[in-house]
Amino acid sequence: MATKSRKTVRKEVRKSLIEQLKNKGADIALFTDQVEDYMQLWDLKELLISDIRETGLRTSDGKDNASPKQLPIVNRQMLALLKTLGVTTDGIIGEEDDDL
């Protein structure tokens, strides 16, 4: 099974968040702007994960890699934005799987 590209997953995450707002009747500029903030954090999270995979916990000169410390901070902010948007696992309307 082929893995999806980061670009594809990003589009799916953004679309899913916008759909959740629409389903709640909350797809207004204030909240869609917060979705864009969330997506910027999503991009940063992906970069941090890539850096951790490539660099490891320490850089080549033996110094601590800052990415492992930054990742939980970014994740907390992402969760805070989801809470602000009212996106929880309660009442999620499922997406159809196009792969079936």
N, C-alpha and C. Protein backbone atom coordinates (compact mmCIF):
# COMPACT_ATOMS: atom_id res chain seq x y z
N MET A 1 0.84 -1.17 0.00
CA MET A 1 0.00 0.00 0.00
C MET A 1 0.89 1.25 0.00
N ALA A 2 0.65 2.14 -0.92
CA ALA A 2 1.46 3.35 -1.04
C ALA A 2 1.08 4.35 0.04
N THR A 3 2.10 5.04 0.55
CA THR A 3 1.82 6.08 1.54
C THR A 3 1.49 7.37 0.82
N LYS A 4 0.66 8.17 1.45
CA LYS A 4 0.27 9.44 0.85
C LYS A 4 1.38 10.45 1.05
N SER A 5 1.50 11.36 0.11
CA SER A 5 2.49 12.42 0.24
C SER A 5 2.06 13.40 1.32
N ARG A 6 3.04 14.12 1.84
CA ARG A 6 2.75 15.13 2.87
C ARG A 6 1.77 16.16 2.33
N LYS A 7 1.93 16.54 1.07
CA LYS A 7 1.04 17.52 0.46
C LYS A 7 -0.41 17.01 0.42
N THR A 8 -0.58 15.74 0.09
CA THR A 8 -1.91 15.15 0.03
C THR A 8 -2.54 15.10 1.41
N VAL A 9 -1.77 14.66 2.40
CA VAL A 9 -2.29 14.58 3.77
C VAL A 9 -2.66 15.97 4.25
N ARG A 10 -1.82 16.96 3.94
CA ARG A 10 -2.10 18.34 4.36
C ARG A 10 -3.44 18.81 3.80
N LYS A 11 -3.66 18.55 2.52
CA LYS A 11 -4.92 18.95 1.89
C LYS A 11 -6.10 18.26 2.55
N GLU A 12 -5.93 16.98 2.89
CA GLU A 12 -7.01 16.22 3.52
C GLU A 12 -7.32 16.75 4.92
N VAL A 13 -6.28 17.07 5.67
CA VAL A 13 -6.48 17.60 7.03
C VAL A 13 -7.21 18.94 6.96
N ARG A 14 -6.74 19.82 6.08
CA ARG A 14 -7.38 21.13 5.94
C ARG A 14 -8.85 20.98 5.52
N LYS A 15 -9.09 20.14 4.52
CA LYS A 15 -10.45 19.91 4.04
C LYS A 15 -11.33 19.37 5.16
N SER A 16 -10.79 18.44 5.95
CA SER A 16 -11.54 17.86 7.05
C SER A 16 -11.92 18.91 8.09
N LEU A 17 -10.98 19.78 8.43
CA LEU A 17 -11.27 20.84 9.40
C LEU A 17 -12.34 21.79 8.87
N ILE A 18 -12.23 22.18 7.63
CA ILE A 18 -13.23 23.08 7.02
C ILE A 18 -14.59 22.40 7.00
N GLU A 19 -14.63 21.11 6.66
CA GLU A 19 -15.89 20.38 6.65
C GLU A 19 -16.51 20.32 8.04
N GLN A 20 -15.69 20.12 9.06
CA GLN A 20 -16.21 20.09 10.42
C GLN A 20 -16.82 21.45 10.79
N LEU A 21 -16.16 22.53 10.37
CA LEU A 21 -16.73 23.86 10.63
C LEU A 21 -18.06 24.03 9.90
N LYS A 22 -18.10 23.59 8.65
CA LYS A 22 -19.35 23.70 7.88
C LYS A 22 -20.46 22.92 8.55
N ASN A 23 -20.14 21.72 9.01
CA ASN A 23 -21.16 20.88 9.66
C ASN A 23 -21.69 21.52 10.94
N LYS A 24 -20.87 22.36 11.57
CA LYS A 24 -21.29 23.06 12.80
C LYS A 24 -21.91 24.42 12.49
N GLY A 25 -21.90 24.81 11.21
CA GLY A 25 -22.39 26.13 10.84
C GLY A 25 -21.43 27.23 11.29
N ALA A 26 -20.16 26.88 11.41
CA ALA A 26 -19.16 27.82 11.93
C ALA A 26 -18.08 28.14 10.90
N ASP A 27 -18.40 28.02 9.64
CA ASP A 27 -17.41 28.29 8.59
C ASP A 27 -17.40 29.77 8.23
N ILE A 28 -17.02 30.57 9.24
CA ILE A 28 -16.90 32.01 9.07
C ILE A 28 -15.42 32.38 9.06
N ALA A 29 -15.14 33.60 8.64
CA ALA A 29 -13.75 34.03 8.46
C ALA A 29 -12.89 33.85 9.70
N LEU A 30 -13.43 34.18 10.85
CA LEU A 30 -12.67 34.05 12.09
C LEU A 30 -12.15 32.63 12.29
N PHE A 31 -13.02 31.65 12.07
CA PHE A 31 -12.64 30.25 12.31
C PHE A 31 -11.84 29.67 11.14
N THR A 32 -12.16 30.06 9.92
CA THR A 32 -11.36 29.54 8.80
C THR A 32 -9.94 30.10 8.87
N ASP A 33 -9.78 31.30 9.39
CA ASP A 33 -8.43 31.85 9.60
C ASP A 33 -7.69 31.01 10.64
N GLN A 34 -8.40 30.56 11.66
CA GLN A 34 -7.76 29.71 12.66
C GLN A 34 -7.38 28.35 12.09
N VAL A 35 -8.14 27.88 11.11
CA VAL A 35 -7.76 26.65 10.41
C VAL A 35 -6.42 26.87 9.70
N GLU A 36 -6.24 28.05 9.10
CA GLU A 36 -4.97 28.35 8.44
C GLU A 36 -3.82 28.39 9.46
N ASP A 37 -4.09 28.95 10.64
CA ASP A 37 -3.09 28.92 11.72
C ASP A 37 -2.76 27.48 12.08
N TYR A 38 -3.79 26.65 12.20
CA TYR A 38 -3.58 25.24 12.52
C TYR A 38 -2.70 24.59 11.46
N MET A 39 -2.97 24.89 10.20
CA MET A 39 -2.20 24.27 9.12
C MET A 39 -0.74 24.72 9.14
N GLN A 40 -0.49 25.96 9.53
CA GLN A 40 0.90 26.40 9.67
C GLN A 40 1.60 25.62 10.78
N LEU A 41 0.90 25.38 11.86
CA LEU A 41 1.45 24.54 12.93
C LEU A 41 1.64 23.11 12.45
N TRP A 42 0.72 22.62 11.64
CA TRP A 42 0.84 21.28 11.08
C TRP A 42 2.12 21.18 10.25
N ASP A 43 2.35 22.20 9.41
CA ASP A 43 3.59 22.22 8.61
C ASP A 43 4.82 22.20 9.50
N LEU A 44 4.80 23.01 10.55
CA LEU A 44 5.93 23.06 11.47
C LEU A 44 6.14 21.71 12.15
N LYS A 45 5.05 21.08 12.57
CA LYS A 45 5.13 19.75 13.19
C LYS A 45 5.80 18.76 12.25
N GLU A 46 5.40 18.78 11.00
CA GLU A 46 5.99 17.87 10.02
C GLU A 46 7.48 18.14 9.82
N LEU A 47 7.85 19.41 9.79
CA LEU A 47 9.28 19.75 9.67
C LEU A 47 10.07 19.29 10.89
N LEU A 48 9.49 19.46 12.07
CA LEU A 48 10.16 19.01 13.29
C LEU A 48 10.35 17.49 13.28
N ILE A 49 9.33 16.77 12.87
CA ILE A 49 9.42 15.31 12.81
C ILE A 49 10.49 14.89 11.81
N SER A 50 10.52 15.55 10.66
CA SER A 50 11.54 15.25 9.65
C SER A 50 12.94 15.51 10.19
N ASP A 51 13.09 16.63 10.89
CA ASP A 51 14.39 16.96 11.47
C ASP A 51 14.82 15.93 12.50
N ILE A 52 13.89 15.48 13.31
CA ILE A 52 14.22 14.47 14.33
C ILE A 52 14.65 13.17 13.65
N ARG A 53 13.93 12.79 12.59
CA ARG A 53 14.29 11.57 11.86
C ARG A 53 15.66 11.68 11.21
N GLU A 54 15.94 12.84 10.62
CA GLU A 54 17.21 13.03 9.90
C GLU A 54 18.38 13.27 10.84
N THR A 55 18.18 14.10 11.87
CA THR A 55 19.28 14.52 12.73
C THR A 55 19.42 13.65 13.96
N GLY A 56 18.29 13.18 14.48
CA GLY A 56 18.30 12.44 15.73
C GLY A 56 18.17 13.39 16.91
N LEU A 57 18.46 12.88 18.09
CA LEU A 57 18.32 13.69 19.29
C LEU A 57 19.48 14.66 19.48
N ARG A 58 20.59 14.36 18.84
CA ARG A 58 21.77 15.22 18.93
C ARG A 58 22.27 15.55 17.53
N THR A 59 22.82 16.75 17.38
CA THR A 59 23.39 17.16 16.11
C THR A 59 24.75 16.48 15.93
N SER A 60 25.31 16.65 14.76
CA SER A 60 26.60 16.00 14.47
C SER A 60 27.73 16.50 15.36
N ASP A 61 27.58 17.69 15.92
CA ASP A 61 28.61 18.21 16.82
C ASP A 61 28.32 17.89 18.29
N GLY A 62 27.32 17.01 18.54
CA GLY A 62 27.04 16.55 19.88
C GLY A 62 26.08 17.41 20.69
N LYS A 63 25.61 18.50 20.12
CA LYS A 63 24.66 19.37 20.83
C LYS A 63 23.26 18.78 20.73
N ASP A 64 22.43 19.12 21.72
CA ASP A 64 21.04 18.67 21.69
C ASP A 64 20.32 19.28 20.49
N ASN A 65 19.55 18.46 19.80
CA ASN A 65 18.68 18.93 18.74
C ASN A 65 17.46 19.56 19.41
N ALA A 66 17.12 20.78 19.06
CA ALA A 66 15.98 21.48 19.68
C ALA A 66 14.63 20.93 19.24
N SER A 67 14.58 20.24 18.13
CA SER A 67 13.30 19.77 17.59
C SER A 67 12.51 18.87 18.53
N PRO A 68 13.14 17.91 19.22
CA PRO A 68 12.36 17.08 20.14
C PRO A 68 11.70 17.88 21.26
N LYS A 69 12.32 18.96 21.67
CA LYS A 69 11.72 19.79 22.73
C LYS A 69 10.61 20.68 22.17
N GLN A 70 10.72 21.06 20.92
CA GLN A 70 9.73 21.94 20.31
C GLN A 70 8.46 21.19 19.88
N LEU A 71 8.59 19.92 19.56
CA LEU A 71 7.46 19.15 19.04
C LEU A 71 6.27 19.11 20.01
N PRO A 72 6.46 18.81 21.29
CA PRO A 72 5.29 18.81 22.19
C PRO A 72 4.66 20.19 22.35
N ILE A 73 5.46 21.24 22.25
CA ILE A 73 4.93 22.60 22.36
C ILE A 73 4.01 22.88 21.18
N VAL A 74 4.45 22.51 19.98
CA VAL A 74 3.64 22.70 18.78
C VAL A 74 2.38 21.85 18.86
N ASN A 75 2.51 20.60 19.32
CA ASN A 75 1.34 19.73 19.44
C ASN A 75 0.32 20.30 20.42
N ARG A 76 0.78 20.85 21.53
CA ARG A 76 -0.15 21.46 22.50
C ARG A 76 -0.91 22.63 21.87
N GLN A 77 -0.20 23.44 21.10
CA GLN A 77 -0.85 24.58 20.46
C GLN A 77 -1.87 24.10 19.42
N MET A 78 -1.53 23.03 18.71
CA MET A 78 -2.47 22.47 17.73
C MET A 78 -3.73 21.99 18.44
N LEU A 79 -3.56 21.30 19.55
CA LEU A 79 -4.71 20.82 20.31
C LEU A 79 -5.55 21.98 20.85
N ALA A 80 -4.89 23.05 21.26
CA ALA A 80 -5.61 24.23 21.75
C ALA A 80 -6.45 24.85 20.63
N LEU A 81 -5.90 24.91 19.43
CA LEU A 81 -6.67 25.45 18.30
C LEU A 81 -7.86 24.55 17.98
N LEU A 82 -7.66 23.25 18.03
CA LEU A 82 -8.78 22.34 17.77
C LEU A 82 -9.89 22.57 18.81
N LYS A 83 -9.49 22.76 20.05
CA LYS A 83 -10.47 23.01 21.10
C LYS A 83 -11.22 24.31 20.83
N THR A 84 -10.49 25.36 20.43
CA THR A 84 -11.11 26.63 20.09
C THR A 84 -12.11 26.48 18.95
N LEU A 85 -11.75 25.65 17.99
CA LEU A 85 -12.63 25.43 16.84
C LEU A 85 -13.78 24.49 17.17
N GLY A 86 -13.72 23.89 18.34
CA GLY A 86 -14.78 22.95 18.73
C GLY A 86 -14.67 21.62 18.03
N VAL A 87 -13.48 21.29 17.56
CA VAL A 87 -13.27 20.03 16.87
C VAL A 87 -12.80 19.01 17.91
N THR A 88 -13.67 18.05 18.19
CA THR A 88 -13.36 16.98 19.13
C THR A 88 -13.77 15.66 18.49
N THR A 89 -13.54 14.58 19.20
CA THR A 89 -13.97 13.29 18.69
C THR A 89 -15.46 13.07 18.90
N ASP A 90 -16.10 13.93 19.68
CA ASP A 90 -17.54 13.85 19.89
C ASP A 90 -18.27 14.42 18.68
N GLY A 91 -19.17 13.64 18.13
CA GLY A 91 -20.01 14.12 17.05
C GLY A 91 -19.31 14.33 15.72
N ILE A 92 -18.17 13.70 15.53
CA ILE A 92 -17.47 13.84 14.25
C ILE A 92 -18.27 13.14 13.17
N ILE A 93 -18.46 13.83 12.09
CA ILE A 93 -19.14 13.25 10.95
C ILE A 93 -18.05 12.67 10.06
N GLY A 94 -18.11 11.37 9.84
CA GLY A 94 -17.06 10.67 9.10
C GLY A 94 -16.95 11.08 7.66
N GLU A 95 -15.75 10.87 7.13
CA GLU A 95 -15.50 11.14 5.73
C GLU A 95 -15.62 9.83 4.98
N GLU A 96 -16.09 9.93 3.74
CA GLU A 96 -16.15 8.73 2.92
C GLU A 96 -14.75 8.38 2.46
N ASP A 97 -14.46 7.10 2.44
CA ASP A 97 -13.15 6.63 2.00
C ASP A 97 -13.19 6.43 0.50
N ASP A 98 -12.46 7.25 -0.25
CA ASP A 98 -12.44 7.18 -1.69
C ASP A 98 -11.68 5.97 -2.21
N ASP A 99 -10.92 5.30 -1.33
CA ASP A 99 -10.08 4.18 -1.75
C ASP A 99 -10.87 2.87 -1.82
N LEU A 100 -12.10 2.84 -1.34
CA LEU A 100 -12.86 1.60 -1.35
C LEU A 100 -13.46 1.30 -2.68
